[in-house]
Amino acid sequence: MKGNSVILSTTPNIEGKKILAYKGIVVGEVISGVDFVKDFAAGLTNIFGGRSGSYESELIEARETALREMQSRALALGANAVVGVDIDYEVLGQANNMLMVTVSGTAVLIEQ
């Protein structure tokens, strides 16, 4: 993924590019609540089958926000890429109604 001029890769390097400097570990975190309407719609999906569009859109938005946050932190360190990106998902809260998305990787400066 490329955006904000920071390349993201799950691999330990960027093919064809030399890593010039390691800038450090960067992370992005998002904790998102799931509201009653989404829970109700997802419950109907469980009964009648199919995919839960409301939960899927919440998950996509949380992941994209966490990735943008990580890119921003990499830029602040002077990096132009993040390698070894890992994405983790957790469910939190007493009622399991909070979604946490955490992304992490190593900010690097690669040759242009």
N, C-alpha and C. Protein backbone atom coordinates (compact mmCIF):
# COMPACT_ATOMS: atom_id res chain seq x y z
N MET A 1 0.85 -1.18 0.00
CA MET A 1 0.00 0.00 0.00
C MET A 1 0.88 1.23 0.00
N LYS A 2 0.55 2.22 -0.81
CA LYS A 2 1.30 3.45 -0.84
C LYS A 2 0.33 4.60 -0.62
N GLY A 3 0.67 5.47 0.27
CA GLY A 3 -0.15 6.63 0.55
C GLY A 3 0.64 7.58 1.43
N ASN A 4 0.36 8.87 1.36
CA ASN A 4 1.11 9.86 2.13
C ASN A 4 2.61 9.71 1.89
N SER A 5 3.02 9.21 0.75
CA SER A 5 4.40 8.97 0.35
C SER A 5 5.15 8.01 1.26
N VAL A 6 4.43 7.14 1.95
CA VAL A 6 5.05 6.09 2.77
C VAL A 6 4.56 4.75 2.23
N ILE A 7 5.50 3.92 1.78
CA ILE A 7 5.17 2.59 1.28
C ILE A 7 5.02 1.66 2.47
N LEU A 8 3.98 0.85 2.48
CA LEU A 8 3.75 -0.14 3.52
C LEU A 8 3.92 -1.53 2.93
N SER A 9 4.62 -2.40 3.67
CA SER A 9 4.83 -3.76 3.19
C SER A 9 4.84 -4.73 4.37
N THR A 10 4.22 -5.87 4.18
CA THR A 10 4.26 -6.91 5.21
C THR A 10 5.57 -7.70 5.16
N THR A 11 6.33 -7.53 4.09
CA THR A 11 7.61 -8.23 3.94
C THR A 11 8.71 -7.45 4.67
N PRO A 12 9.86 -8.09 4.93
CA PRO A 12 10.94 -7.41 5.66
C PRO A 12 11.74 -6.42 4.82
N ASN A 13 11.42 -6.31 3.53
CA ASN A 13 12.12 -5.37 2.67
C ASN A 13 11.21 -4.99 1.51
N ILE A 14 11.66 -4.03 0.71
CA ILE A 14 10.92 -3.62 -0.48
C ILE A 14 11.75 -4.11 -1.67
N GLU A 15 11.19 -4.99 -2.46
CA GLU A 15 11.94 -5.59 -3.57
C GLU A 15 12.51 -4.51 -4.48
N GLY A 16 13.81 -4.65 -4.76
CA GLY A 16 14.49 -3.73 -5.65
C GLY A 16 14.93 -2.44 -4.99
N LYS A 17 14.67 -2.28 -3.71
CA LYS A 17 15.04 -1.05 -2.99
C LYS A 17 15.96 -1.41 -1.83
N LYS A 18 17.01 -0.63 -1.67
CA LYS A 18 17.95 -0.82 -0.57
C LYS A 18 17.48 0.00 0.63
N ILE A 19 17.50 -0.63 1.81
CA ILE A 19 17.18 0.10 3.04
C ILE A 19 18.43 0.86 3.45
N LEU A 20 18.29 2.19 3.53
CA LEU A 20 19.42 3.05 3.87
C LEU A 20 19.53 3.29 5.38
N ALA A 21 18.38 3.30 6.08
CA ALA A 21 18.39 3.55 7.53
C ALA A 21 17.14 2.98 8.16
N TYR A 22 17.30 2.46 9.36
CA TYR A 22 16.17 2.00 10.17
C TYR A 22 15.84 3.12 11.15
N LYS A 23 14.58 3.55 11.14
CA LYS A 23 14.17 4.70 11.94
C LYS A 23 13.48 4.31 13.24
N GLY A 24 13.04 3.07 13.36
CA GLY A 24 12.40 2.62 14.59
C GLY A 24 11.05 1.98 14.36
N ILE A 25 10.51 1.46 15.42
CA ILE A 25 9.20 0.81 15.37
C ILE A 25 8.12 1.89 15.39
N VAL A 26 7.12 1.72 14.53
CA VAL A 26 5.97 2.63 14.51
C VAL A 26 4.70 1.82 14.65
N VAL A 27 3.70 2.45 15.26
CA VAL A 27 2.42 1.78 15.48
C VAL A 27 1.27 2.73 15.15
N GLY A 28 0.12 2.15 14.95
CA GLY A 28 -1.13 2.88 14.81
C GLY A 28 -2.19 2.08 15.53
N GLU A 29 -3.01 2.76 16.33
CA GLU A 29 -4.05 2.07 17.08
C GLU A 29 -5.39 2.78 16.91
N VAL A 30 -6.43 1.97 16.86
CA VAL A 30 -7.79 2.50 16.82
C VAL A 30 -8.65 1.62 17.71
N ILE A 31 -9.44 2.25 18.58
CA ILE A 31 -10.45 1.52 19.34
C ILE A 31 -11.78 2.12 18.94
N SER A 32 -12.65 1.28 18.44
CA SER A 32 -13.91 1.74 17.87
C SER A 32 -15.08 1.02 18.55
N GLY A 33 -16.08 1.77 18.93
CA GLY A 33 -17.28 1.19 19.53
C GLY A 33 -18.26 0.76 18.47
N VAL A 34 -18.98 -0.30 18.76
CA VAL A 34 -20.02 -0.78 17.86
C VAL A 34 -21.35 -0.46 18.52
N ASP A 35 -22.19 0.28 17.83
CA ASP A 35 -23.43 0.74 18.44
C ASP A 35 -24.58 -0.27 18.31
N PHE A 36 -25.69 0.06 18.95
CA PHE A 36 -26.86 -0.81 19.00
C PHE A 36 -27.39 -1.14 17.61
N VAL A 37 -27.43 -0.16 16.72
CA VAL A 37 -27.98 -0.38 15.38
C VAL A 37 -27.15 -1.42 14.63
N LYS A 38 -25.82 -1.29 14.71
CA LYS A 38 -24.95 -2.25 14.04
C LYS A 38 -25.10 -3.64 14.66
N ASP A 39 -25.21 -3.69 16.01
CA ASP A 39 -25.42 -4.98 16.68
C ASP A 39 -26.73 -5.62 16.23
N PHE A 40 -27.78 -4.82 16.11
CA PHE A 40 -29.09 -5.34 15.70
C PHE A 40 -29.02 -5.86 14.26
N ALA A 41 -28.39 -5.09 13.37
CA ALA A 41 -28.26 -5.51 11.97
C ALA A 41 -27.43 -6.78 11.86
N ALA A 42 -26.36 -6.87 12.64
CA ALA A 42 -25.52 -8.06 12.63
C ALA A 42 -26.29 -9.26 13.17
N GLY A 43 -27.15 -9.04 14.16
CA GLY A 43 -27.98 -10.11 14.71
C GLY A 43 -28.92 -10.67 13.66
N LEU A 44 -29.49 -9.78 12.84
CA LEU A 44 -30.36 -10.24 11.76
C LEU A 44 -29.58 -11.06 10.74
N THR A 45 -28.35 -10.63 10.47
CA THR A 45 -27.49 -11.38 9.55
C THR A 45 -27.22 -12.77 10.09
N ASN A 46 -26.99 -12.87 11.40
CA ASN A 46 -26.77 -14.18 12.03
C ASN A 46 -27.98 -15.09 11.85
N ILE A 47 -29.16 -14.52 11.94
CA ILE A 47 -30.39 -15.32 11.82
C ILE A 47 -30.63 -15.73 10.37
N PHE A 48 -30.51 -14.78 9.44
CA PHE A 48 -30.87 -15.02 8.05
C PHE A 48 -29.69 -15.39 7.14
N GLY A 49 -28.49 -15.27 7.66
CA GLY A 49 -27.30 -15.60 6.87
C GLY A 49 -26.78 -14.42 6.09
N GLY A 50 -25.60 -14.57 5.54
CA GLY A 50 -25.00 -13.51 4.74
C GLY A 50 -23.91 -12.79 5.50
N ARG A 51 -23.40 -11.75 4.87
CA ARG A 51 -22.32 -10.97 5.45
C ARG A 51 -22.87 -9.77 6.19
N SER A 52 -22.16 -9.36 7.23
CA SER A 52 -22.56 -8.19 8.01
C SER A 52 -21.85 -6.96 7.47
N GLY A 53 -22.52 -6.25 6.59
CA GLY A 53 -21.94 -5.05 5.99
C GLY A 53 -21.60 -3.98 7.00
N SER A 54 -22.41 -3.84 8.06
CA SER A 54 -22.15 -2.80 9.05
C SER A 54 -20.86 -3.10 9.81
N TYR A 55 -20.65 -4.34 10.20
CA TYR A 55 -19.41 -4.70 10.89
C TYR A 55 -18.22 -4.64 9.94
N GLU A 56 -18.39 -5.07 8.71
CA GLU A 56 -17.30 -5.03 7.75
C GLU A 56 -16.84 -3.61 7.50
N SER A 57 -17.77 -2.68 7.34
CA SER A 57 -17.38 -1.29 7.10
C SER A 57 -16.69 -0.71 8.32
N GLU A 58 -17.12 -1.07 9.51
CA GLU A 58 -16.47 -0.61 10.74
C GLU A 58 -15.04 -1.13 10.81
N LEU A 59 -14.85 -2.38 10.45
CA LEU A 59 -13.53 -3.01 10.47
C LEU A 59 -12.61 -2.37 9.43
N ILE A 60 -13.11 -2.14 8.24
CA ILE A 60 -12.32 -1.50 7.17
C ILE A 60 -11.89 -0.11 7.59
N GLU A 61 -12.82 0.68 8.12
CA GLU A 61 -12.50 2.05 8.54
C GLU A 61 -11.47 2.06 9.66
N ALA A 62 -11.61 1.17 10.63
CA ALA A 62 -10.65 1.10 11.74
C ALA A 62 -9.26 0.73 11.24
N ARG A 63 -9.18 -0.25 10.34
CA ARG A 63 -7.89 -0.68 9.80
C ARG A 63 -7.23 0.45 9.01
N GLU A 64 -7.99 1.11 8.14
CA GLU A 64 -7.44 2.19 7.32
C GLU A 64 -6.97 3.36 8.18
N THR A 65 -7.71 3.67 9.23
CA THR A 65 -7.32 4.75 10.14
C THR A 65 -6.04 4.40 10.87
N ALA A 66 -5.92 3.17 11.35
CA ALA A 66 -4.71 2.74 12.04
C ALA A 66 -3.50 2.77 11.10
N LEU A 67 -3.68 2.36 9.85
CA LEU A 67 -2.58 2.40 8.88
C LEU A 67 -2.16 3.84 8.58
N ARG A 68 -3.13 4.74 8.43
CA ARG A 68 -2.80 6.16 8.20
C ARG A 68 -2.02 6.74 9.39
N GLU A 69 -2.44 6.38 10.60
CA GLU A 69 -1.75 6.85 11.80
C GLU A 69 -0.30 6.36 11.82
N MET A 70 -0.09 5.09 11.47
CA MET A 70 1.25 4.54 11.44
C MET A 70 2.10 5.24 10.37
N GLN A 71 1.52 5.49 9.20
CA GLN A 71 2.24 6.21 8.14
C GLN A 71 2.66 7.60 8.61
N SER A 72 1.78 8.28 9.30
CA SER A 72 2.07 9.62 9.80
C SER A 72 3.23 9.58 10.79
N ARG A 73 3.25 8.60 11.65
CA ARG A 73 4.34 8.46 12.62
C ARG A 73 5.66 8.12 11.93
N ALA A 74 5.59 7.33 10.86
CA ALA A 74 6.79 7.01 10.10
C ALA A 74 7.34 8.27 9.43
N LEU A 75 6.47 9.07 8.84
CA LEU A 75 6.89 10.33 8.21
C LEU A 75 7.57 11.24 9.23
N ALA A 76 7.03 11.30 10.44
CA ALA A 76 7.59 12.15 11.49
C ALA A 76 9.01 11.71 11.86
N LEU A 77 9.33 10.44 11.64
CA LEU A 77 10.67 9.93 11.92
C LEU A 77 11.62 10.10 10.71
N GLY A 78 11.10 10.59 9.59
CA GLY A 78 11.91 10.76 8.40
C GLY A 78 11.96 9.51 7.53
N ALA A 79 11.02 8.61 7.70
CA ALA A 79 10.97 7.38 6.91
C ALA A 79 10.13 7.58 5.66
N ASN A 80 10.39 6.74 4.66
CA ASN A 80 9.54 6.75 3.46
C ASN A 80 8.94 5.37 3.19
N ALA A 81 9.12 4.46 4.14
CA ALA A 81 8.52 3.12 4.03
C ALA A 81 8.41 2.50 5.43
N VAL A 82 7.50 1.55 5.54
CA VAL A 82 7.38 0.74 6.76
C VAL A 82 7.36 -0.71 6.31
N VAL A 83 8.29 -1.49 6.84
CA VAL A 83 8.39 -2.91 6.49
C VAL A 83 7.97 -3.77 7.67
N GLY A 84 7.64 -5.03 7.37
CA GLY A 84 7.23 -5.97 8.41
C GLY A 84 5.92 -5.58 9.07
N VAL A 85 5.01 -5.00 8.30
CA VAL A 85 3.74 -4.53 8.87
C VAL A 85 2.91 -5.71 9.35
N ASP A 86 2.41 -5.58 10.56
CA ASP A 86 1.55 -6.60 11.18
C ASP A 86 0.26 -5.92 11.61
N ILE A 87 -0.87 -6.58 11.35
CA ILE A 87 -2.17 -6.04 11.72
C ILE A 87 -2.82 -7.01 12.71
N ASP A 88 -3.25 -6.48 13.87
CA ASP A 88 -3.90 -7.30 14.89
C ASP A 88 -5.28 -6.73 15.20
N TYR A 89 -6.20 -7.64 15.48
CA TYR A 89 -7.57 -7.26 15.83
C TYR A 89 -7.92 -7.87 17.18
N GLU A 90 -8.59 -7.11 18.03
CA GLU A 90 -9.05 -7.59 19.33
C GLU A 90 -10.45 -7.06 19.58
N VAL A 91 -11.21 -7.80 20.36
CA VAL A 91 -12.52 -7.35 20.81
C VAL A 91 -12.38 -7.04 22.30
N LEU A 92 -12.85 -5.86 22.70
CA LEU A 92 -12.70 -5.39 24.08
C LEU A 92 -14.05 -5.00 24.67
N GLY A 93 -14.05 -4.73 25.96
CA GLY A 93 -15.23 -4.24 26.65
C GLY A 93 -16.01 -5.36 27.31
N GLN A 94 -16.78 -5.00 28.33
CA GLN A 94 -17.58 -5.99 29.05
C GLN A 94 -18.54 -6.73 28.15
N ALA A 95 -19.11 -6.01 27.20
CA ALA A 95 -20.08 -6.63 26.29
C ALA A 95 -19.44 -6.99 24.96
N ASN A 96 -18.11 -6.98 24.89
CA ASN A 96 -17.40 -7.24 23.64
C ASN A 96 -17.88 -6.33 22.52
N ASN A 97 -18.14 -5.05 22.85
CA ASN A 97 -18.68 -4.13 21.86
C ASN A 97 -17.67 -3.09 21.40
N MET A 98 -16.39 -3.34 21.67
CA MET A 98 -15.34 -2.44 21.23
C MET A 98 -14.37 -3.23 20.36
N LEU A 99 -13.97 -2.64 19.25
CA LEU A 99 -13.03 -3.26 18.33
C LEU A 99 -11.72 -2.49 18.40
N MET A 100 -10.62 -3.21 18.63
CA MET A 100 -9.31 -2.58 18.63
C MET A 100 -8.51 -3.12 17.46
N VAL A 101 -7.97 -2.21 16.65
CA VAL A 101 -7.09 -2.57 15.55
C VAL A 101 -5.74 -1.93 15.85
N THR A 102 -4.70 -2.75 15.84
CA THR A 102 -3.34 -2.27 16.07
C THR A 102 -2.49 -2.70 14.89
N VAL A 103 -1.75 -1.76 14.33
CA VAL A 103 -0.80 -2.07 13.26
C VAL A 103 0.59 -1.64 13.73
N SER A 104 1.59 -2.40 13.33
CA SER A 104 2.96 -2.05 13.71
C SER A 104 3.91 -2.48 12.61
N GLY A 105 5.07 -1.87 12.60
CA GLY A 105 6.09 -2.21 11.64
C GLY A 105 7.36 -1.42 11.93
N THR A 106 8.35 -1.58 11.08
CA THR A 106 9.61 -0.87 11.23
C THR A 106 9.71 0.22 10.17
N ALA A 107 9.83 1.46 10.65
CA ALA A 107 9.98 2.60 9.74
C ALA A 107 11.40 2.60 9.19
N VAL A 108 11.51 2.73 7.88
CA VAL A 108 12.82 2.70 7.23
C VAL A 108 12.91 3.80 6.18
N LEU A 109 14.14 4.15 5.84
CA LEU A 109 14.39 5.05 4.72
C LEU A 109 14.95 4.20 3.62
N ILE A 110 14.26 4.16 2.48
CA ILE A 110 14.72 3.36 1.35
C ILE A 110 15.20 4.30 0.24
N GLU A 111 16.05 3.75 -0.61
CA GLU A 111 16.52 4.55 -1.76
C GLU A 111 15.35 4.83 -2.69
N GLN A 112 15.39 5.97 -3.33
CA GLN A 112 14.30 6.35 -4.24
C GLN A 112 14.47 5.74 -5.57
